Amino acid sequence: MSTDTDISPRVNSAHMQRFIGKTVRLPCKIKTYSSDGGSATVTTSDDGEVVVHLIPDAEITATYAEFIGTVVDAGTLKMMAVVGMGEDLDMALVNKVIEVIHDKRFFERIFS
């Protein structure tokens, strides 16, 4: 059995609002960085847009990444860590996996 502190489900922009204040994993494509380097705008697997508040000295070299962080609101994530996912990622497939994870038939079985 896991507890709320153990889970970090993968989400897209449509699912973020359900996890405000919780830790999630956000697979995405880096779109732009702010001029001060404190945030990045990313495109999620469902073609949504999310602003990620980066930790100082975050090193993100890949085009695609998975941010692990706390959901601030439906369009903002506060970064805790990042995993580079390379230069070529099938975001449509990633989104299908996320939708299956969040299907009511499976979510409780996976995250409880």
PDB file of N, CA and C in Angstrom:
ATOM      1  N   MET A   1       0.830  -1.188   0.000  1.00  0.00           N
ATOM      2  CA  MET A   1       0.000   0.000   0.000  1.00  0.00           C
ATOM      3  C   MET A   1       0.872   1.247   0.000  1.00  0.00           C
ATOM      4  N   SER A   2       0.534   2.181  -0.840  1.00  0.00           N
ATOM      5  CA  SER A   2       1.277   3.437  -0.831  1.00  0.00           C
ATOM      6  C   SER A   2       0.475   4.503  -0.093  1.00  0.00           C
ATOM      7  N   THR A   3       1.178   5.520   0.289  1.00  0.00           N
ATOM      8  CA  THR A   3       0.536   6.662   0.920  1.00  0.00           C
ATOM      9  C   THR A   3       0.605   7.834  -0.036  1.00  0.00           C
ATOM     10  N   ASP A   4      -0.094   8.914   0.272  1.00  0.00           N
ATOM     11  CA  ASP A   4      -0.091  10.087  -0.599  1.00  0.00           C
ATOM     12  C   ASP A   4       1.313  10.624  -0.831  1.00  0.00           C
ATOM     13  N   THR A   5       2.216  10.421   0.121  1.00  0.00           N
ATOM     14  CA  THR A   5       3.570  10.938  -0.048  1.00  0.00           C
ATOM     15  C   THR A   5       4.412  10.044  -0.952  1.00  0.00           C
ATOM     16  N   ASP A   6       3.951   8.830  -1.216  1.00  0.00           N
ATOM     17  CA  ASP A   6       4.711   7.898  -2.048  1.00  0.00           C
ATOM     18  C   ASP A   6       4.390   8.015  -3.533  1.00  0.00           C
ATOM     19  N   ILE A   7       3.229   8.541  -3.887  1.00  0.00           N
ATOM     20  CA  ILE A   7       2.820   8.514  -5.283  1.00  0.00           C
ATOM     21  C   ILE A   7       3.152   9.806  -6.005  1.00  0.00           C
ATOM     22  N   SER A   8       3.429   9.665  -7.263  1.00  0.00           N
ATOM     23  CA  SER A   8       3.590  10.832  -8.131  1.00  0.00           C
ATOM     24  C   SER A   8       3.137  10.405  -9.520  1.00  0.00           C
ATOM     25  N   PRO A   9       1.821  10.418  -9.739  1.00  0.00           N
ATOM     26  CA  PRO A   9       1.297   9.956 -11.027  1.00  0.00           C
ATOM     27  C   PRO A   9       1.710  10.870 -12.168  1.00  0.00           C
ATOM     28  N   ARG A  10       1.810  10.289 -13.348  1.00  0.00           N
ATOM     29  CA  ARG A  10       2.058  11.085 -14.548  1.00  0.00           C
ATOM     30  C   ARG A  10       0.761  11.793 -14.906  1.00  0.00           C
ATOM     31  N   VAL A  11       0.896  13.049 -15.312  1.00  0.00           N
ATOM     32  CA  VAL A  11      -0.281  13.831 -15.671  1.00  0.00           C
ATOM     33  C   VAL A  11      -0.032  14.586 -16.969  1.00  0.00           C
ATOM     34  N   ASN A  12      -1.115  15.041 -17.567  1.00  0.00           N
ATOM     35  CA  ASN A  12      -1.052  16.004 -18.655  1.00  0.00           C
ATOM     36  C   ASN A  12      -1.733  17.271 -18.134  1.00  0.00           C
ATOM     37  N   SER A  13      -1.890  18.272 -18.951  1.00  0.00           N
ATOM     38  CA  SER A  13      -2.461  19.529 -18.457  1.00  0.00           C
ATOM     39  C   SER A  13      -3.906  19.363 -17.993  1.00  0.00           C
ATOM     40  N   ALA A  14      -4.651  18.467 -18.611  1.00  0.00           N
ATOM     41  CA  ALA A  14      -6.053  18.267 -18.237  1.00  0.00           C
ATOM     42  C   ALA A  14      -6.211  17.680 -16.836  1.00  0.00           C
ATOM     43  N   HIS A  15      -5.236  16.937 -16.372  1.00  0.00           N
ATOM     44  CA  HIS A  15      -5.338  16.281 -15.057  1.00  0.00           C
ATOM     45  C   HIS A  15      -4.699  17.078 -13.926  1.00  0.00           C
ATOM     46  N   MET A  16      -3.978  18.129 -14.233  1.00  0.00           N
ATOM     47  CA  MET A  16      -3.251  18.859 -13.178  1.00  0.00           C
ATOM     48  C   MET A  16      -4.164  19.427 -12.103  1.00  0.00           C
ATOM     49  N   GLN A  17      -5.340  19.921 -12.476  1.00  0.00           N
ATOM     50  CA  GLN A  17      -6.221  20.548 -11.496  1.00  0.00           C
ATOM     51  C   GLN A  17      -6.641  19.593 -10.380  1.00  0.00           C
ATOM     52  N   ARG A  18      -6.618  18.307 -10.634  1.00  0.00           N
ATOM     53  CA  ARG A  18      -6.984  17.309  -9.611  1.00  0.00           C
ATOM     54  C   ARG A  18      -5.873  17.089  -8.593  1.00  0.00           C
ATOM     55  N   PHE A  19      -4.670  17.619  -8.860  1.00  0.00           N
ATOM     56  CA  PHE A  19      -3.514  17.323  -8.018  1.00  0.00           C
ATOM     57  C   PHE A  19      -2.867  18.571  -7.418  1.00  0.00           C
ATOM     58  N   ILE A  20      -3.620  19.629  -7.243  1.00  0.00           N
ATOM     59  CA  ILE A  20      -3.064  20.853  -6.661  1.00  0.00           C
ATOM     60  C   ILE A  20      -2.525  20.541  -5.264  1.00  0.00           C
ATOM     61  N   GLY A  21      -1.257  20.938  -5.035  1.00  0.00           N
ATOM     62  CA  GLY A  21      -0.588  20.673  -3.765  1.00  0.00           C
ATOM     63  C   GLY A  21       0.047  19.297  -3.670  1.00  0.00           C
ATOM     64  N   LYS A  22      -0.074  18.488  -4.703  1.00  0.00           N
ATOM     65  CA  LYS A  22       0.478  17.130  -4.711  1.00  0.00           C
ATOM     66  C   LYS A  22       1.662  17.038  -5.669  1.00  0.00           C
ATOM     67  N   THR A  23       2.448  15.997  -5.501  1.00  0.00           N
ATOM     68  CA  THR A  23       3.590  15.736  -6.368  1.00  0.00           C
ATOM     69  C   THR A  23       3.146  14.905  -7.565  1.00  0.00           C
ATOM     70  N   VAL A  24       3.553  15.336  -8.754  1.00  0.00           N
ATOM     71  CA  VAL A  24       3.222  14.636  -9.993  1.00  0.00           C
ATOM     72  C   VAL A  24       4.455  14.563 -10.892  1.00  0.00           C
ATOM     73  N   ARG A  25       4.315  13.821 -11.969  1.00  0.00           N
ATOM     74  CA  ARG A  25       5.317  13.744 -13.028  1.00  0.00           C
ATOM     75  C   ARG A  25       4.667  14.286 -14.286  1.00  0.00           C
ATOM     76  N   LEU A  26       5.336  15.231 -14.925  1.00  0.00           N
ATOM     77  CA  LEU A  26       4.779  15.894 -16.104  1.00  0.00           C
ATOM     78  C   LEU A  26       5.693  15.695 -17.306  1.00  0.00           C
ATOM     79  N   PRO A  27       5.400  14.701 -18.165  1.00  0.00           N
ATOM     80  CA  PRO A  27       6.175  14.553 -19.392  1.00  0.00           C
ATOM     81  C   PRO A  27       5.815  15.695 -20.347  1.00  0.00           C
ATOM     82  N   CYS A  28       6.819  16.284 -20.993  1.00  0.00           N
ATOM     83  CA  CYS A  28       6.536  17.463 -21.804  1.00  0.00           C
ATOM     84  C   CYS A  28       7.663  17.747 -22.789  1.00  0.00           C
ATOM     85  N   LYS A  29       7.379  18.712 -23.663  1.00  0.00           N
ATOM     86  CA  LYS A  29       8.374  19.237 -24.585  1.00  0.00           C
ATOM     87  C   LYS A  29       8.671  20.667 -24.145  1.00  0.00           C
ATOM     88  N   ILE A  30       9.945  20.985 -24.005  1.00  0.00           N
ATOM     89  CA  ILE A  30      10.339  22.328 -23.598  1.00  0.00           C
ATOM     90  C   ILE A  30      10.033  23.279 -24.752  1.00  0.00           C
ATOM     91  N   LYS A  31       9.286  24.318 -24.448  1.00  0.00           N
ATOM     92  CA  LYS A  31       8.916  25.303 -25.471  1.00  0.00           C
ATOM     93  C   LYS A  31       9.814  26.537 -25.382  1.00  0.00           C
ATOM     94  N   THR A  32       9.820  27.199 -24.228  1.00  0.00           N
ATOM     95  CA  THR A  32      10.645  28.396 -24.042  1.00  0.00           C
ATOM     96  C   THR A  32      11.095  28.501 -22.585  1.00  0.00           C
ATOM     97  N   TYR A  33      12.143  29.277 -22.387  1.00  0.00           N
ATOM     98  CA  TYR A  33      12.610  29.608 -21.038  1.00  0.00           C
ATOM     99  C   TYR A  33      12.376  31.092 -20.810  1.00  0.00           C
ATOM    100  N   SER A  34      12.113  31.477 -19.565  1.00  0.00           N
ATOM    101  CA  SER A  34      12.003  32.897 -19.247  1.00  0.00           C
ATOM    102  C   SER A  34      13.377  33.528 -19.384  1.00  0.00           C
ATOM    103  N   SER A  35      13.407  34.832 -19.558  1.00  0.00           N
ATOM    104  CA  SER A  35      14.684  35.520 -19.754  1.00  0.00           C
ATOM    105  C   SER A  35      15.596  35.407 -18.537  1.00  0.00           C
ATOM    106  N   ASP A  36      15.029  35.273 -17.351  1.00  0.00           N
ATOM    107  CA  ASP A  36      15.861  35.133 -16.141  1.00  0.00           C
ATOM    108  C   ASP A  36      16.195  33.677 -15.825  1.00  0.00           C
ATOM    109  N   GLY A  37      15.666  32.729 -16.605  1.00  0.00           N
ATOM    110  CA  GLY A  37      15.951  31.317 -16.395  1.00  0.00           C
ATOM    111  C   GLY A  37      15.218  30.703 -15.217  1.00  0.00           C
ATOM    112  N   GLY A  38      14.281  31.420 -14.649  1.00  0.00           N
ATOM    113  CA  GLY A  38      13.565  30.925 -13.476  1.00  0.00           C
ATOM    114  C   GLY A  38      12.365  30.060 -13.775  1.00  0.00           C
ATOM    115  N   SER A  39      11.950  30.055 -15.048  1.00  0.00           N
ATOM    116  CA  SER A  39      10.803  29.230 -15.412  1.00  0.00           C
ATOM    117  C   SER A  39      10.913  28.803 -16.866  1.00  0.00           C
ATOM    118  N   ALA A  40      10.142  27.788 -17.188  1.00  0.00           N
ATOM    119  CA  ALA A  40      10.060  27.301 -18.558  1.00  0.00           C
ATOM    120  C   ALA A  40       8.595  27.100 -18.896  1.00  0.00           C
ATOM    121  N   THR A  41       8.250  27.386 -20.131  1.00  0.00           N
ATOM    122  CA  THR A  41       6.918  27.056 -20.629  1.00  0.00           C
ATOM    123  C   THR A  41       7.073  25.771 -21.418  1.00  0.00           C
ATOM    124  N   VAL A  42       6.194  24.810 -21.120  1.00  0.00           N
ATOM    125  CA  VAL A  42       6.294  23.498 -21.746  1.00  0.00           C
ATOM    126  C   VAL A  42       4.969  23.130 -22.407  1.00  0.00           C
ATOM    127  N   THR A  43       5.055  22.242 -23.382  1.00  0.00           N
ATOM    128  CA  THR A  43       3.873  21.684 -24.022  1.00  0.00           C
ATOM    129  C   THR A  43       3.695  20.269 -23.497  1.00  0.00           C
ATOM    130  N   THR A  44       2.524  19.989 -22.964  1.00  0.00           N
ATOM    131  CA  THR A  44       2.251  18.678 -22.374  1.00  0.00           C
ATOM    132  C   THR A  44       1.785  17.691 -23.442  1.00  0.00           C
ATOM    133  N   SER A  45       1.633  16.449 -23.064  1.00  0.00           N
ATOM    134  CA  SER A  45       1.281  15.401 -24.023  1.00  0.00           C
ATOM    135  C   SER A  45      -0.091  15.595 -24.650  1.00  0.00           C
ATOM    136  N   ASP A  46      -0.971  16.357 -23.996  1.00  0.00           N
ATOM    137  CA  ASP A  46      -2.290  16.642 -24.563  1.00  0.00           C
ATOM    138  C   ASP A  46      -2.330  18.022 -25.229  1.00  0.00           C
ATOM    139  N   ASP A  47      -1.156  18.537 -25.590  1.00  0.00           N
ATOM    140  CA  ASP A  47      -0.985  19.837 -26.258  1.00  0.00           C
ATOM    141  C   ASP A  47      -1.387  21.020 -25.388  1.00  0.00           C
ATOM    142  N   GLY A  48      -1.411  20.832 -24.071  1.00  0.00           N
ATOM    143  CA  GLY A  48      -1.645  21.941 -23.161  1.00  0.00           C
ATOM    144  C   GLY A  48      -0.344  22.678 -22.905  1.00  0.00           C
ATOM    145  N   GLU A  49      -0.456  23.803 -22.240  1.00  0.00           N
ATOM    146  CA  GLU A  49       0.720  24.601 -21.912  1.00  0.00           C
ATOM    147  C   GLU A  49       0.784  24.784 -20.402  1.00  0.00           C
ATOM    148  N   VAL A  50       1.965  24.530 -19.835  1.00  0.00           N
ATOM    149  CA  VAL A  50       2.175  24.638 -18.391  1.00  0.00           C
ATOM    150  C   VAL A  50       3.455  25.439 -18.162  1.00  0.00           C
ATOM    151  N   VAL A  51       3.443  26.257 -17.120  1.00  0.00           N
ATOM    152  CA  VAL A  51       4.645  26.985 -16.703  1.00  0.00           C
ATOM    153  C   VAL A  51       5.279  26.192 -15.569  1.00  0.00           C
ATOM    154  N   VAL A  52       6.563  25.900 -15.706  1.00  0.00           N
ATOM    155  CA  VAL A  52       7.307  25.166 -14.682  1.00  0.00           C
ATOM    156  C   VAL A  52       8.285  26.135 -14.020  1.00  0.00           C
ATOM    157  N   HIS A  53       8.141  26.311 -12.711  1.00  0.00           N
ATOM    158  CA  HIS A  53       9.091  27.125 -11.950  1.00  0.00           C
ATOM    159  C   HIS A  53      10.301  26.245 -11.656  1.00  0.00           C
ATOM    160  N   LEU A  54      11.434  26.598 -12.223  1.00  0.00           N
ATOM    161  CA  LEU A  54      12.636  25.773 -12.148  1.00  0.00           C
ATOM    162  C   LEU A  54      13.396  26.000 -10.847  1.00  0.00           C
ATOM    163  N   ILE A  55      14.096  24.951 -10.419  1.00  0.00           N
ATOM    164  CA  ILE A  55      14.995  25.104  -9.284  1.00  0.00           C
ATOM    165  C   ILE A  55      16.249  25.820  -9.782  1.00  0.00           C
ATOM    166  N   PRO A  56      16.967  26.513  -8.896  1.00  0.00           N
ATOM    167  CA  PRO A  56      18.196  27.196  -9.331  1.00  0.00           C
ATOM    168  C   PRO A  56      19.193  26.206  -9.944  1.00  0.00           C
ATOM    169  N   ASP A  57      19.847  26.632 -10.978  1.00  0.00           N
ATOM    170  CA  ASP A  57      20.875  25.844 -11.664  1.00  0.00           C
ATOM    171  C   ASP A  57      20.348  24.540 -12.258  1.00  0.00           C
ATOM    172  N   ALA A  58      19.068  24.507 -12.610  1.00  0.00           N
ATOM    173  CA  ALA A  58      18.507  23.311 -13.252  1.00  0.00           C
ATOM    174  C   ALA A  58      19.186  23.118 -14.605  1.00  0.00           C
ATOM    175  N   GLU A  59      19.639  21.908 -14.860  1.00  0.00           N
ATOM    176  CA  GLU A  59      20.292  21.606 -16.127  1.00  0.00           C
ATOM    177  C   GLU A  59      19.363  20.737 -16.966  1.00  0.00           C
ATOM    178  N   ILE A  60      18.806  21.358 -17.984  1.00  0.00           N
ATOM    179  CA  ILE A  60      17.888  20.657 -18.879  1.00  0.00           C
ATOM    180  C   ILE A  60      18.461  20.777 -20.272  1.00  0.00           C
ATOM    181  N   THR A  61      18.946  19.672 -20.808  1.00  0.00           N
ATOM    182  CA  THR A  61      19.597  19.710 -22.109  1.00  0.00           C
ATOM    183  C   THR A  61      18.774  19.033 -23.196  1.00  0.00           C
ATOM    184  N   ALA A  62      17.792  18.232 -22.829  1.00  0.00           N
ATOM    185  CA  ALA A  62      16.982  17.514 -23.807  1.00  0.00           C
ATOM    186  C   ALA A  62      15.777  18.349 -24.237  1.00  0.00           C
ATOM    187  N   THR A  63      15.267  18.060 -25.410  1.00  0.00           N
ATOM    188  CA  THR A  63      14.051  18.709 -25.904  1.00  0.00           C
ATOM    189  C   THR A  63      12.838  18.241 -25.123  1.00  0.00           C
ATOM    190  N   TYR A  64      12.822  16.954 -24.795  1.00  0.00           N
ATOM    191  CA  TYR A  64      11.719  16.369 -24.025  1.00  0.00           C
ATOM    192  C   TYR A  64      12.209  16.057 -22.622  1.00  0.00           C
ATOM    193  N   ALA A  65      11.327  16.269 -21.650  1.00  0.00           N
ATOM    194  CA  ALA A  65      11.705  16.032 -20.255  1.00  0.00           C
ATOM    195  C   ALA A  65      10.475  15.609 -19.469  1.00  0.00           C
ATOM    196  N   GLU A  66      10.742  15.028 -18.319  1.00  0.00           N
ATOM    197  CA  GLU A  66       9.671  14.733 -17.364  1.00  0.00           C
ATOM    198  C   GLU A  66      10.021  15.469 -16.077  1.00  0.00           C
ATOM    199  N   PHE A  67       9.208  16.462 -15.752  1.00  0.00           N
ATOM    200  CA  PHE A  67       9.403  17.213 -14.515  1.00  0.00           C
ATOM    201  C   PHE A  67       8.669  16.521 -13.389  1.00  0.00           C
ATOM    202  N   ILE A  68       9.324  16.429 -12.260  1.00  0.00           N
ATOM    203  CA  ILE A  68       8.702  15.944 -11.038  1.00  0.00           C
ATOM    204  C   ILE A  68       8.573  17.173 -10.158  1.00  0.00           C
ATOM    205  N   GLY A  69       7.372  17.429  -9.688  1.00  0.00           N
ATOM    206  CA  GLY A  69       7.176  18.632  -8.900  1.00  0.00           C
ATOM    207  C   GLY A  69       5.806  18.711  -8.277  1.00  0.00           C
ATOM    208  N   THR A  70       5.577  19.834  -7.610  1.00  0.00           N
ATOM    209  CA  THR A  70       4.317  20.082  -6.922  1.00  0.00           C
ATOM    210  C   THR A  70       3.434  20.960  -7.791  1.00  0.00           C
ATOM    211  N   VAL A  71       2.174  20.552  -7.947  1.00  0.00           N
ATOM    212  CA  VAL A  71       1.225  21.333  -8.730  1.00  0.00           C
ATOM    213  C   VAL A  71       0.810  22.560  -7.910  1.00  0.00           C
ATOM    214  N   VAL A  72       1.059  23.742  -8.460  1.00  0.00           N
ATOM    215  CA  VAL A  72       0.697  24.996  -7.807  1.00  0.00           C
ATOM    216  C   VAL A  72      -0.754  25.342  -8.139  1.00  0.00           C
ATOM    217  N   ASP A  73      -1.078  25.267  -9.418  1.00  0.00           N
ATOM    218  CA  ASP A  73      -2.444  25.460  -9.891  1.00  0.00           C
ATOM    219  C   ASP A  73      -2.573  24.696 -11.207  1.00  0.00           C
ATOM    220  N   ALA A  74      -3.711  24.825 -11.873  1.00  0.00           N
ATOM    221  CA  ALA A  74      -3.971  24.025 -13.072  1.00  0.00           C
ATOM    222  C   ALA A  74      -2.961  24.245 -14.200  1.00  0.00           C
ATOM    223  N   GLY A  75      -2.213  25.349 -14.151  1.00  0.00           N
ATOM    224  CA  GLY A  75      -1.257  25.624 -15.224  1.00  0.00           C
ATOM    225  C   GLY A  75       0.162  25.866 -14.774  1.00  0.00           C
ATOM    226  N   THR A  76       0.459  25.511 -13.499  1.00  0.00           N
ATOM    227  CA  THR A  76       1.789  25.803 -12.960  1.00  0.00           C
ATOM    228  C   THR A  76       2.307  24.636 -12.132  1.00  0.00           C
ATOM    229  N   LEU A  77       3.590  24.315 -12.330  1.00  0.00           N
ATOM    230  CA  LEU A  77       4.262  23.258 -11.578  1.00  0.00           C
ATOM    231  C   LEU A  77       5.527  23.822 -10.957  1.00  0.00           C
ATOM    232  N   LYS A  78       5.777  23.508  -9.700  1.00  0.00           N
ATOM    233  CA  LYS A  78       7.021  23.896  -9.025  1.00  0.00           C
ATOM    234  C   LYS A  78       7.957  22.689  -9.068  1.00  0.00           C
ATOM    235  N   MET A  79       9.048  22.826  -9.799  1.00  0.00           N
ATOM    236  CA  MET A  79       9.971  21.723 -10.048  1.00  0.00           C
ATOM    237  C   MET A  79      10.692  21.258  -8.786  1.00  0.00           C
ATOM    238  N   MET A  80      10.820  19.933  -8.666  1.00  0.00           N
ATOM    239  CA  MET A  80      11.649  19.305  -7.644  1.00  0.00           C
ATOM    240  C   MET A  80      12.839  18.605  -8.305  1.00  0.00           C
ATOM    241  N   ALA A  81      12.568  18.005  -9.476  1.00  0.00           N
ATOM    242  CA  ALA A  81      13.605  17.270 -10.213  1.00  0.00           C
ATOM    243  C   ALA A  81      13.176  17.182 -11.671  1.00  0.00           C
ATOM    244  N   VAL A  82      14.114  16.767 -12.510  1.00  0.00           N
ATOM    245  CA  VAL A  82      13.815  16.594 -13.927  1.00  0.00           C
ATOM    246  C   VAL A  82      14.571  15.391 -14.459  1.00  0.00           C
ATOM    247  N   VAL A  83      13.945  14.696 -15.402  1.00  0.00           N
ATOM    248  CA  VAL A  83      14.562  13.572 -16.086  1.00  0.00           C
ATOM    249  C   VAL A  83      14.531  13.896 -17.573  1.00  0.00           C
ATOM    250  N   GLY A  84      15.690  13.932 -18.201  1.00  0.00           N
ATOM    251  CA  GLY A  84      15.751  14.162 -19.642  1.00  0.00           C
ATOM    252  C   GLY A  84      15.197  12.960 -20.377  1.00  0.00           C
ATOM    253  N   MET A  85      14.423  13.222 -21.429  1.00  0.00           N
ATOM    254  CA  MET A  85      13.802  12.134 -22.183  1.00  0.00           C
ATOM    255  C   MET A  85      14.189  12.155 -23.653  1.00  0.00           C
ATOM    256  N   GLY A  86      15.295  12.830 -23.944  1.00  0.00           N
ATOM    257  CA  GLY A  86      15.844  12.777 -25.291  1.00  0.00           C
ATOM    258  C   GLY A  86      15.291  13.806 -26.249  1.00  0.00           C
ATOM    259  N   GLU A  87      15.574  13.553 -27.525  1.00  0.00           N
ATOM    260  CA  GLU A  87      15.214  14.494 -28.576  1.00  0.00           C
ATOM    261  C   GLU A  87      14.020  14.039 -29.400  1.00  0.00           C
ATOM    262  N   ASP A  88      13.541  12.828 -29.158  1.00  0.00           N
ATOM    263  CA  ASP A  88      12.430  12.291 -29.949  1.00  0.00           C
ATOM    264  C   ASP A  88      11.556  11.452 -29.036  1.00  0.00           C
ATOM    265  N   LEU A  89      10.348  11.908 -28.772  1.00  0.00           N
ATOM    266  CA  LEU A  89       9.428  11.198 -27.887  1.00  0.00           C
ATOM    267  C   LEU A  89       8.043  11.234 -28.511  1.00  0.00           C
ATOM    268  N   ASP A  90       7.388  10.103 -28.573  1.00  0.00           N
ATOM    269  CA  ASP A  90       6.039  10.010 -29.137  1.00  0.00           C
ATOM    270  C   ASP A  90       5.042  10.523 -28.103  1.00  0.00           C
ATOM    271  N   MET A  91       4.741  11.815 -28.161  1.00  0.00           N
ATOM    272  CA  MET A  91       3.864  12.434 -27.166  1.00  0.00           C
ATOM    273  C   MET A  91       2.436  11.917 -27.267  1.00  0.00           C
ATOM    274  N   ALA A  92       1.988  11.509 -28.438  1.00  0.00           N
ATOM    275  CA  ALA A  92       0.645  10.942 -28.569  1.00  0.00           C
ATOM    276  C   ALA A  92       0.550   9.635 -27.776  1.00  0.00           C
ATOM    277  N   LEU A  93       1.589   8.816 -27.851  1.00  0.00           N
ATOM    278  CA  LEU A  93       1.619   7.577 -27.084  1.00  0.00           C
ATOM    279  C   LEU A  93       1.703   7.859 -25.583  1.00  0.00           C
ATOM    280  N   VAL A  94       2.528   8.822 -25.202  1.00  0.00           N
ATOM    281  CA  VAL A  94       2.624   9.222 -23.794  1.00  0.00           C
ATOM    282  C   VAL A  94       1.245   9.627 -23.286  1.00  0.00           C
ATOM    283  N   ASN A  95       0.515  10.397 -24.087  1.00  0.00           N
ATOM    284  CA  ASN A  95      -0.805  10.857 -23.657  1.00  0.00           C
ATOM    285  C   ASN A  95      -1.785   9.700 -23.511  1.00  0.00           C
ATOM    286  N   LYS A  96      -1.707   8.722 -24.406  1.00  0.00           N
ATOM    287  CA  LYS A  96      -2.587   7.549 -24.287  1.00  0.00           C
ATOM    288  C   LYS A  96      -2.315   6.800 -22.994  1.00  0.00           C
ATOM    289  N   VAL A  97      -1.049   6.666 -22.634  1.00  0.00           N
ATOM    290  CA  VAL A  97      -0.685   5.992 -21.377  1.00  0.00           C
ATOM    291  C   VAL A  97      -1.240   6.773 -20.183  1.00  0.00           C
ATOM    292  N   ILE A  98      -1.094   8.090 -20.210  1.00  0.00           N
ATOM    293  CA  ILE A  98      -1.608   8.916 -19.116  1.00  0.00           C
ATOM    294  C   ILE A  98      -3.118   8.767 -18.992  1.00  0.00           C
ATOM    295  N   GLU A  99      -3.821   8.751 -20.110  1.00  0.00           N
ATOM    296  CA  GLU A  99      -5.277   8.601 -20.054  1.00  0.00           C
ATOM    297  C   GLU A  99      -5.683   7.238 -19.500  1.00  0.00           C
ATOM    298  N   VAL A 100      -4.946   6.189 -19.834  1.00  0.00           N
ATOM    299  CA  VAL A 100      -5.240   4.864 -19.265  1.00  0.00           C
ATOM    300  C   VAL A 100      -4.985   4.877 -17.765  1.00  0.00           C
ATOM    301  N   ILE A 101      -3.878   5.474 -17.335  1.00  0.00           N
ATOM    302  CA  ILE A 101      -3.563   5.549 -15.905  1.00  0.00           C
ATOM    303  C   ILE A 101      -4.699   6.224 -15.146  1.00  0.00           C
ATOM    304  N   HIS A 102      -5.271   7.278 -15.706  1.00  0.00           N
ATOM    305  CA  HIS A 102      -6.290   8.054 -15.007  1.00  0.00           C
ATOM    306  C   HIS A 102      -7.711   7.545 -15.237  1.00  0.00           C
ATOM    307  N   ASP A 103      -7.858   6.503 -16.033  1.00  0.00           N
ATOM    308  CA  ASP A 103      -9.170   5.876 -16.224  1.00  0.00           C
ATOM    309  C   ASP A 103      -9.628   5.334 -14.870  1.00  0.00           C
ATOM    310  N   LYS A 104     -10.864   5.629 -14.506  1.00  0.00           N
ATOM    311  CA  LYS A 104     -11.379   5.224 -13.189  1.00  0.00           C
ATOM    312  C   LYS A 104     -11.280   3.725 -12.948  1.00  0.00           C
ATOM    313  N   ARG A 105     -11.266   2.935 -14.011  1.00  0.00           N
ATOM    314  CA  ARG A 105     -11.159   1.480 -13.848  1.00  0.00           C
ATOM    315  C   ARG A 105      -9.779   1.062 -13.350  1.00  0.00           C
ATOM    316  N   PHE A 106      -8.752   1.895 -13.574  1.00  0.00           N
ATOM    317  CA  PHE A 106      -7.392   1.503 -13.264  1.00  0.00           C
ATOM    318  C   PHE A 106      -6.696   2.347 -12.205  1.00  0.00           C
ATOM    319  N   PHE A 107      -7.059   3.622 -12.080  1.00  0.00           N
ATOM    320  CA  PHE A 107      -6.312   4.547 -11.229  1.00  0.00           C
ATOM    321  C   PHE A 107      -6.173   4.041  -9.797  1.00  0.00           C
ATOM    322  N   GLU A 108      -7.251   3.600  -9.184  1.00  0.00           N
ATOM    323  CA  GLU A 108      -7.188   3.129  -7.798  1.00  0.00           C
ATOM    324  C   GLU A 108      -6.338   1.870  -7.669  1.00  0.00           C
ATOM    325  N   ARG A 109      -6.350   1.035  -8.680  1.00  0.00           N
ATOM    326  CA  ARG A 109      -5.543  -0.193  -8.641  1.00  0.00           C
ATOM    327  C   ARG A 109      -4.055   0.119  -8.749  1.00  0.00           C
ATOM    328  N   ILE A 110      -3.721   1.146  -9.498  1.00  0.00           N
ATOM    329  CA  ILE A 110      -2.329   1.502  -9.698  1.00  0.00           C
ATOM    330  C   ILE A 110      -1.784   2.298  -8.506  1.00  0.00           C
ATOM    331  N   PHE A 111      -2.595   3.233  -7.994  1.00  0.00           N
ATOM    332  CA  PHE A 111      -2.115   4.182  -6.980  1.00  0.00           C
ATOM    333  C   PHE A 111      -2.802   4.006  -5.635  1.00  0.00           C
ATOM    334  N   SER A 112      -2.980   2.786  -5.194  1.00  0.00           N
ATOM    335  CA  SER A 112      -3.512   2.566  -3.845  1.00  0.00           C
ATOM    336  C   SER A 112      -2.883   1.333  -3.235  1.00  0.00           C
TER     337      SER A 112
END
